[in-house]
Protein backbone atom coordinates (compact mmCIF):
# COMPACT_ATOMS: atom_id res chain seq x y z
CA UNK A 1 -21.05 27.74 -64.03
CA UNK A 2 -17.53 27.74 -62.60
CA UNK A 3 -18.17 28.25 -58.96
CA UNK A 4 -21.09 27.08 -56.88
CA UNK A 5 -22.78 27.46 -53.52
CA UNK A 6 -21.44 26.36 -50.13
CA UNK A 7 -24.29 25.93 -47.61
CA UNK A 8 -23.93 25.50 -43.76
CA UNK A 9 -26.80 23.98 -41.98
CA UNK A 10 -27.26 22.09 -38.78
CA UNK A 11 -30.55 20.97 -37.35
CA UNK A 12 -30.67 20.49 -33.55
CA UNK A 13 -34.14 19.38 -32.48
CA UNK A 14 -36.48 19.24 -35.60
CA UNK A 15 -35.48 18.52 -39.15
CA UNK A 16 -37.17 21.51 -40.77
CA UNK A 17 -33.95 23.42 -41.33
CA UNK A 18 -32.27 20.61 -43.20
CA UNK A 19 -35.43 19.98 -45.26
CA UNK A 20 -35.54 23.56 -46.36
CA UNK A 21 -31.88 23.58 -47.35
CA UNK A 22 -32.36 20.33 -49.21
CA UNK A 23 -35.22 21.80 -51.22
CA UNK A 24 -33.02 24.88 -52.06
CA UNK A 25 -30.13 22.67 -53.04
CA UNK A 26 -32.30 20.55 -55.31
CA UNK A 27 -33.56 23.79 -57.05
CA UNK A 28 -29.97 25.06 -57.44
CA UNK A 29 -28.82 21.91 -59.10
CA UNK A 30 -31.69 22.00 -61.40
CA UNK A 31 -30.18 25.41 -62.64
CA UNK A 32 -26.78 23.98 -63.05
CA UNK A 33 -25.41 25.38 -59.71
CA UNK A 34 -22.94 22.99 -57.96
CA UNK A 35 -23.91 22.80 -54.24
CA UNK A 36 -21.73 21.53 -51.35
CA UNK A 37 -23.59 21.33 -48.01
CA UNK A 38 -21.84 21.16 -44.68
CA UNK A 39 -24.07 19.47 -42.16
CA UNK A 40 -24.09 16.79 -39.43
CA UNK A 41 -22.83 13.29 -40.35
CA UNK A 42 -26.20 11.75 -39.44
CA UNK A 43 -28.36 14.48 -41.16
CA UNK A 44 -28.00 13.33 -44.74
CA UNK A 45 -27.22 10.05 -46.68
CA UNK A 46 -24.80 11.10 -49.31
CA UNK A 47 -26.04 8.45 -51.59
CA UNK A 48 -29.51 9.79 -51.59
CA UNK A 49 -28.78 13.48 -52.55
CA UNK A 50 -27.37 15.10 -55.70
CA UNK A 51 -25.12 17.67 -53.92
CA UNK A 52 -21.85 17.13 -52.33
CA UNK A 53 -21.95 16.49 -48.61
CA UNK A 54 -19.49 17.83 -46.32
CA UNK A 55 -20.02 15.82 -43.23
CA UNK A 56 -19.27 17.35 -39.82
CA UNK A 57 -19.04 15.58 -36.48
CA UNK A 58 -22.69 15.75 -35.38
CA UNK A 59 -24.43 17.30 -32.41
CA UNK A 60 -27.82 18.16 -31.28
CA UNK A 61 -29.71 20.21 -28.72
CA UNK A 62 -29.62 18.78 -25.13
CA UNK A 63 -33.23 19.60 -24.56
CA UNK A 64 -36.14 21.51 -25.89
CA UNK A 65 -34.80 24.90 -24.30
CA UNK A 66 -31.54 24.62 -26.28
CA UNK A 67 -29.73 24.95 -23.08
CA UNK A 68 -26.72 23.24 -24.48
CA UNK A 69 -25.29 21.01 -27.20
CA UNK A 70 -24.46 17.31 -26.87
CA UNK A 71 -22.82 14.90 -29.19
CA UNK A 72 -24.79 11.81 -30.54
CA UNK A 73 -23.96 9.90 -27.37
CA UNK A 74 -25.51 12.58 -25.17
CA UNK A 75 -22.22 13.88 -23.98
CA UNK A 76 -21.56 17.78 -23.73
CA UNK A 77 -19.78 19.03 -26.76
CA UNK A 78 -16.16 19.78 -25.73
CA UNK A 79 -13.29 21.70 -27.32
CA UNK A 80 -12.00 18.66 -29.21
CA UNK A 81 -15.48 18.31 -30.82
CA UNK A 82 -15.53 21.82 -31.88
CA UNK A 83 -11.98 21.82 -33.25
CA UNK A 84 -12.85 18.68 -35.29
CA UNK A 85 -16.00 20.42 -36.74
CA UNK A 86 -14.05 23.70 -37.43
CA UNK A 87 -11.26 21.88 -39.34
CA UNK A 88 -13.61 19.66 -41.46
CA UNK A 89 -15.68 22.71 -42.18
CA UNK A 90 -12.81 24.96 -43.36
CA UNK A 91 -11.19 22.10 -45.26
CA UNK A 92 -14.51 21.47 -47.20
CA UNK A 93 -14.98 25.21 -47.88
CA UNK A 94 -11.42 25.51 -49.29
CA UNK A 95 -11.82 22.38 -51.49
CA UNK A 96 -15.17 23.73 -52.82
CA UNK A 97 -13.93 27.19 -53.50
CA UNK A 98 -17.43 28.48 -53.83
CA UNK A 99 -18.79 31.88 -55.33
CA UNK A 100 -21.37 32.02 -52.48
CA UNK A 101 -21.51 31.01 -48.87
CA UNK A 102 -25.19 30.47 -47.63
CA UNK A 103 -25.30 30.36 -43.90
CA UNK A 104 -28.55 28.96 -42.41
CA UNK A 105 -29.79 30.83 -39.39
CA UNK A 106 -26.61 32.84 -38.20
CA UNK A 107 -26.38 35.40 -37.02
CA UNK A 108 -30.01 35.75 -36.16
CA UNK A 109 -29.88 32.28 -34.59
CA UNK A 110 -27.48 29.46 -34.12
CA UNK A 111 -25.23 31.64 -31.80
CA UNK A 112 -23.71 28.38 -30.36
CA UNK A 113 -22.04 27.88 -33.73
CA UNK A 114 -20.05 31.09 -33.71
CA UNK A 115 -17.01 29.09 -32.74
CA UNK A 116 -16.92 27.46 -36.24
CA UNK A 117 -18.91 30.08 -38.16
CA UNK A 118 -16.69 33.11 -37.48
CA UNK A 119 -13.54 31.50 -38.88
CA UNK A 120 -15.71 30.22 -41.83
CA UNK A 121 -17.02 33.72 -42.50
CA UNK A 122 -13.54 35.26 -42.16
CA UNK A 123 -12.23 32.55 -44.72
CA UNK A 124 -15.15 33.42 -47.04
CA UNK A 125 -14.59 37.12 -46.82
CA UNK A 126 -10.81 36.89 -47.36
CA UNK A 127 -11.50 34.65 -50.42
CA UNK A 128 -14.02 37.07 -52.05
CA UNK A 129 -17.14 34.81 -51.76
CA UNK A 130 -20.56 36.54 -51.56
CA UNK A 131 -21.98 35.78 -48.06
CA UNK A 132 -25.67 35.48 -47.46
CA UNK A 133 -27.75 34.65 -44.39
CA UNK A 134 -30.67 32.25 -44.94
CA UNK A 135 -33.55 32.46 -42.45
CA UNK A 136 -37.06 31.18 -42.12
CA UNK A 137 -40.04 33.43 -42.02
CA UNK A 138 -40.21 33.82 -38.26
CA UNK A 139 -37.35 33.74 -35.78
CA UNK A 140 -37.30 32.97 -32.09
CA UNK A 141 -37.72 36.55 -30.98
CA UNK A 142 -34.94 38.22 -28.98
CA UNK A 143 -35.55 41.25 -26.63
CA UNK A 144 -32.09 41.73 -25.17
CA UNK A 145 -30.55 44.77 -26.63
CA UNK A 146 -27.06 43.32 -26.52
CA UNK A 147 -28.05 40.25 -28.44
CA UNK A 148 -29.85 42.37 -31.18
CA UNK A 149 -26.83 44.72 -31.51
CA UNK A 150 -24.50 41.71 -31.70
CA UNK A 151 -26.61 40.30 -34.58
CA UNK A 152 -26.36 43.62 -36.41
CA UNK A 153 -22.68 43.86 -35.87
CA UNK A 154 -22.05 40.38 -37.30
CA UNK A 155 -24.30 41.19 -40.36
CA UNK A 156 -22.39 44.38 -40.87
CA UNK A 157 -19.01 42.71 -40.56
CA UNK A 158 -19.57 39.70 -42.73
CA UNK A 159 -22.78 39.45 -44.66
CA UNK A 160 -23.67 40.84 -48.13
CA UNK A 161 -27.45 40.09 -47.84
CA UNK A 162 -30.20 38.27 -46.09
CA UNK A 163 -32.64 35.85 -47.69
CA UNK A 164 -35.95 35.56 -45.68
CA UNK A 165 -37.78 32.36 -46.77
CA UNK A 166 -41.17 33.72 -46.26
CA UNK A 167 -43.81 36.30 -47.56
CA UNK A 168 -44.52 39.53 -45.72
CA UNK A 169 -48.11 39.00 -46.57
CA UNK A 170 -48.12 36.53 -43.79
CA UNK A 171 -45.21 37.46 -41.57
CA UNK A 172 -42.68 40.37 -42.14
CA UNK A 173 -39.18 40.01 -40.58
CA UNK A 174 -39.93 42.81 -38.13
CA UNK A 175 -42.51 40.50 -36.43
CA UNK A 176 -39.71 38.54 -34.84
CA UNK A 177 -36.65 40.80 -35.29
CA UNK A 178 -37.48 44.25 -33.88
CA UNK A 179 -34.36 45.79 -35.32
CA UNK A 180 -35.06 44.72 -38.94
CA UNK A 181 -34.99 48.34 -39.98
CA UNK A 182 -31.45 48.71 -38.83
CA UNK A 183 -30.14 46.12 -41.22
CA UNK A 184 -27.85 47.64 -43.65
CA UNK A 185 -27.50 44.81 -46.21
CA UNK A 186 -30.20 44.03 -48.66
CA UNK A 187 -33.05 41.87 -47.26
CA UNK A 188 -34.89 39.79 -49.87
CA UNK A 189 -38.08 37.76 -49.33
CA UNK A 190 -37.92 34.54 -51.38
CA UNK A 191 -41.35 33.25 -50.65
CA UNK A 192 -41.86 30.06 -48.76
CA UNK A 193 -39.69 27.12 -49.54
CA UNK A 194 -41.57 24.05 -50.62
CA UNK A 195 -40.04 20.75 -51.72
CA UNK A 196 -42.81 20.45 -54.35
CA UNK A 197 -45.84 22.39 -55.29
CA UNK A 198 -47.58 19.44 -56.87
CA UNK A 199 -50.80 18.78 -55.24
CA UNK A 200 -53.28 15.99 -56.41
CA UNK A 201 -56.55 17.19 -57.76
CA UNK A 202 -59.07 17.19 -54.97
CA UNK A 203 -62.02 14.95 -55.46
CA UNK A 204 -63.63 15.49 -52.20
CA UNK A 205 -62.31 15.04 -48.77
CA UNK A 206 -61.70 11.71 -47.20
CA UNK A 207 -62.78 10.73 -43.65
CA UNK A 208 -59.03 10.85 -42.56
CA UNK A 209 -57.72 13.10 -39.67
CA UNK A 210 -53.99 13.35 -40.04
CA UNK A 211 -52.26 13.84 -36.83
CA UNK A 212 -48.59 14.76 -37.03
CA UNK A 213 -45.72 16.60 -35.21
CA UNK A 214 -43.16 16.99 -38.03
CA UNK A 215 -39.99 14.99 -37.90
CA UNK A 216 -38.73 16.25 -34.62
CA UNK A 217 -38.47 14.95 -31.12
CA UNK A 218 -41.33 16.88 -29.58
CA UNK A 219 -45.08 16.63 -30.06
CA UNK A 220 -46.02 13.94 -27.52
CA UNK A 221 -48.96 16.12 -26.17
CA UNK A 222 -50.59 16.27 -29.55
CA UNK A 223 -50.37 12.39 -29.96
CA UNK A 224 -51.76 11.80 -26.47
CA UNK A 225 -54.65 14.32 -26.93
CA UNK A 226 -55.37 12.77 -30.32
CA UNK A 227 -55.47 9.32 -28.98
CA UNK A 228 -57.95 10.44 -26.27
CA UNK A 229 -60.01 12.55 -28.72
CA UNK A 230 -60.38 9.46 -30.93
CA UNK A 231 -62.22 7.68 -28.16
CA UNK A 232 -64.81 10.53 -27.63
CA UNK A 233 -68.38 9.63 -28.53
CA UNK A 234 -68.88 10.03 -32.30
CA UNK A 235 -65.12 10.29 -33.14
CA UNK A 236 -65.27 6.88 -34.84
CA UNK A 237 -66.83 8.56 -37.88
CA UNK A 238 -63.34 9.55 -38.73
CA UNK A 239 -60.12 7.45 -39.32
CA UNK A 240 -57.58 8.90 -37.08
CA UNK A 241 -54.06 8.45 -38.50
CA UNK A 242 -51.22 9.26 -36.35
CA UNK A 243 -48.03 10.04 -38.49
CA UNK A 244 -44.92 9.24 -36.40
CA UNK A 245 -41.85 11.20 -37.18
CA UNK A 246 -38.44 9.53 -37.36
CA UNK A 247 -37.38 11.17 -34.17
CA UNK A 248 -40.51 10.89 -32.21
CA UNK A 249 -39.81 9.76 -28.68
CA UNK A 250 -43.24 8.81 -27.40
CA UNK A 251 -44.04 5.17 -26.64
CA UNK A 252 -47.38 4.38 -28.18
CA UNK A 253 -49.86 1.58 -27.08
CA UNK A 254 -49.68 -1.66 -29.07
CA UNK A 255 -51.82 -1.64 -32.12
CA UNK A 256 -54.17 -4.30 -30.71
CA UNK A 257 -55.11 -1.91 -27.84
CA UNK A 258 -56.14 0.79 -30.22
CA UNK A 259 -59.74 1.34 -31.53
CA UNK A 260 -60.25 0.14 -35.15
CA UNK A 261 -60.43 3.61 -36.47
CA UNK A 262 -57.02 4.75 -35.01
CA UNK A 263 -53.87 3.90 -36.91
CA UNK A 264 -50.25 4.50 -36.21
CA UNK A 265 -48.22 5.09 -39.33
CA UNK A 266 -44.67 5.93 -40.11
CA UNK A 267 -43.80 9.15 -41.94
CA UNK A 268 -43.66 8.79 -45.73
CA UNK A 269 -43.05 11.01 -48.77
CA UNK A 270 -46.78 10.82 -49.61
CA UNK A 271 -47.78 13.04 -46.70
CA UNK A 272 -48.68 15.98 -48.64
CA UNK A 273 -50.86 14.00 -51.16
CA UNK A 274 -52.69 12.49 -48.21
CA UNK A 275 -53.02 15.87 -46.48
CA UNK A 276 -54.69 17.36 -49.61
CA UNK A 277 -57.43 14.77 -49.26
CA UNK A 278 -57.80 14.66 -45.45
CA UNK A 279 -60.88 15.95 -43.70
CA UNK A 280 -58.57 17.67 -41.17
CA UNK A 281 -55.03 18.18 -39.96
CA UNK A 282 -53.92 18.28 -36.31
CA UNK A 283 -50.24 19.36 -35.96
CA UNK A 284 -47.75 21.74 -34.58
CA UNK A 285 -47.07 25.04 -36.31
CA UNK A 286 -43.53 24.47 -37.71
CA UNK A 287 -42.33 26.03 -41.07
CA UNK A 288 -42.75 22.97 -43.18
CA UNK A 289 -46.20 22.12 -41.78
CA UNK A 290 -47.35 25.66 -42.45
CA UNK A 291 -46.24 25.39 -46.03
CA UNK A 292 -48.02 22.13 -46.54
CA UNK A 293 -51.17 23.55 -45.08
CA UNK A 294 -51.00 26.74 -47.20
CA UNK A 295 -50.40 24.56 -50.23
CA UNK A 296 -53.31 22.07 -49.64
CA UNK A 297 -55.62 24.44 -47.95
CA UNK A 298 -56.65 21.58 -45.65
CA UNK A 299 -58.84 22.49 -42.45
CA UNK A 300 -56.37 22.52 -39.68
CA UNK A 301 -55.95 22.73 -35.91
CA UNK A 302 -52.49 24.05 -34.80
CA UNK A 303 -50.97 23.42 -31.46
CA UNK A 304 -47.75 25.31 -31.57
CA UNK A 305 -44.58 24.16 -29.79
CA UNK A 306 -44.05 26.62 -26.91
CA UNK A 307 -41.83 24.63 -24.54
CA UNK A 308 -38.99 26.63 -22.77
CA UNK A 309 -40.29 29.90 -23.89
CA UNK A 310 -40.14 29.16 -27.58
CA UNK A 311 -42.46 31.74 -29.49
CA UNK A 312 -41.64 30.92 -33.24
CA UNK A 313 -44.50 28.56 -33.84
CA UNK A 314 -46.93 30.57 -31.69
CA UNK A 315 -46.43 33.54 -33.85
CA UNK A 316 -46.84 31.60 -37.06
CA UNK A 317 -49.95 30.06 -35.72
CA UNK A 318 -51.32 33.50 -34.76
CA UNK A 319 -50.63 34.82 -38.24
CA UNK A 320 -52.36 31.92 -39.80
CA UNK A 321 -55.31 32.35 -37.62
CA UNK A 322 -55.54 36.03 -38.58
CA UNK A 323 -55.09 35.49 -42.27
CA UNK A 324 -56.92 32.18 -42.82
CA UNK A 325 -59.00 31.59 -39.81
CA UNK A 326 -56.97 28.56 -38.81
CA UNK A 327 -57.93 27.12 -35.43
CA UNK A 328 -55.21 27.41 -32.83
CA UNK A 329 -55.09 25.64 -29.35
CA UNK A 330 -52.71 26.50 -26.70
CA UNK A 331 -50.76 23.44 -25.73
CA UNK A 332 -51.21 24.08 -21.93
CA UNK A 333 -55.00 23.93 -22.55
CA UNK A 334 -54.97 20.87 -24.72
CA UNK A 335 -57.17 18.10 -23.63
CA UNK A 336 -58.89 15.26 -25.59
CA UNK A 337 -62.37 16.81 -25.12
CA UNK A 338 -61.22 20.24 -26.39
CA UNK A 339 -59.52 18.69 -29.37
CA UNK A 340 -62.57 16.76 -30.30
CA UNK A 341 -64.74 19.82 -29.83
CA UNK A 342 -62.42 21.69 -32.15
CA UNK A 343 -62.47 18.93 -34.81
CA UNK A 344 -66.30 19.02 -34.84
CA UNK A 345 -66.45 22.85 -35.24
CA UNK A 346 -63.55 22.98 -37.86
CA UNK A 347 -64.10 25.08 -41.02
CA UNK A 348 -62.05 25.37 -44.18
CA UNK A 349 -59.50 28.00 -44.49
CA UNK A 350 -60.98 31.51 -45.41
CA UNK A 351 -61.24 31.99 -49.18
CA UNK A 352 -60.39 35.62 -48.87
CA UNK A 353 -56.90 34.97 -47.17
CA UNK A 354 -53.84 36.40 -48.89
CA UNK A 355 -52.25 34.66 -51.90
CA UNK A 356 -48.94 33.47 -50.18
CA UNK A 357 -45.86 33.04 -52.28
CA UNK A 358 -44.79 29.33 -52.11
CA UNK A 359 -42.05 29.56 -54.86
CA UNK A 360 -39.23 30.08 -52.41
CA UNK A 361 -37.01 27.26 -53.61
CA UNK A 362 -36.98 28.21 -57.22
CA UNK A 363 -36.74 31.99 -56.34
CA UNK A 364 -33.71 31.40 -53.96
CA UNK A 365 -31.91 29.30 -56.73
CA UNK A 366 -32.54 32.25 -59.15
CA UNK A 367 -31.09 34.75 -56.76
CA UNK A 368 -28.09 32.51 -56.07
CA UNK A 369 -27.57 31.91 -59.81
CA UNK A 370 -27.54 35.68 -60.40
CA UNK A 371 -25.24 36.27 -57.50
CA UNK A 372 -22.82 33.61 -58.70
CA UNK A 373 -22.74 35.28 -62.17
CA UNK A 374 -22.78 38.96 -61.14
CA UNK A 375 -21.80 39.07 -57.49
CA UNK A 376 -22.90 41.85 -55.28
CA UNK A 377 -24.61 43.76 -58.08
CA UNK A 378 -27.25 41.05 -58.20
CA UNK A 379 -28.53 42.27 -54.86
CA UNK A 380 -28.54 45.99 -55.69
CA UNK A 381 -31.93 47.71 -55.43
CA UNK A 382 -33.24 45.04 -53.06
CA UNK A 383 -33.41 47.36 -50.09
CA UNK A 384 -37.12 48.17 -50.78
CA UNK A 385 -37.83 44.58 -49.95
CA UNK A 386 -36.76 45.00 -46.43
CA UNK A 387 -39.43 45.27 -43.62
């Protein structure tokens, strides 16, 4: 294939966006599609991936409310920082000369990046690249009409299609984007993006309770509640394993001060295999966590991240509760006693829940391969997938 895919992605708080794009990139490369990914310098180790990395001067969210952006020293991002990112991004795009530009989030999210993305989109449009927006199943809902109209304007001006990495059987785009019916470009549901669908054969559940909060910088309340719940009478019949993400900020007690049935463990690639055998999972309701739970069908308690008005995880948790009977606890009500009571009454996911499409990485790569070969005609007829 003569031309490949150029991906723009930037995670700001959690790492789910980067993981989803990594899985898509891996699926593309398996199909012979060259991939260049523009992302923050600290986001990816170029030696550990098979795609070309276009490193950009990194940045992150200043806080959980995404009130602003800061550099890796914690200083507000200034004009010079944006200019460096924009130049590096455009230089990398021109060098790659891709058939397709895949933009993660924008214009539904990542408005802060319009300073570098609008020039990138204009460059791609002038060069004839097919431009696609790549979004997760559920967005942070917007209600301001001017923001919704702005999103639709950008879609109309620059984008040839939208890839929704979800399944409408669980959550349709209209759930979190009320103007979905006004999108003129084709909208395709790819299914949920999973790094791997390989799940070890279940030979009974272990006595493990896996407590996790993804790889992001939030989730302290879950860990604190779990540490307290593990000390409740009878909780020692389980082994409480707290999996600590690489960006977790909480300071944990020394191991010597913990009960024998409580363990602090670093995140590792074997998480899904362990989840498949666990008695229960206690976690947030991020995208990758939901995919893991739908893959393994592990009994689960979800405590969605809702700080600073965030609604994405709460919506996903509500849908999983409705479709699978998953237990959902509101973070503001979370206590060790409530968590322990929920563990004791936990049930497996309902067997009559919908069969959710988890082939999103492979299907996205297939769509991109067809688009690289056939251009816009590959998306023709996809309008009926819009919701």
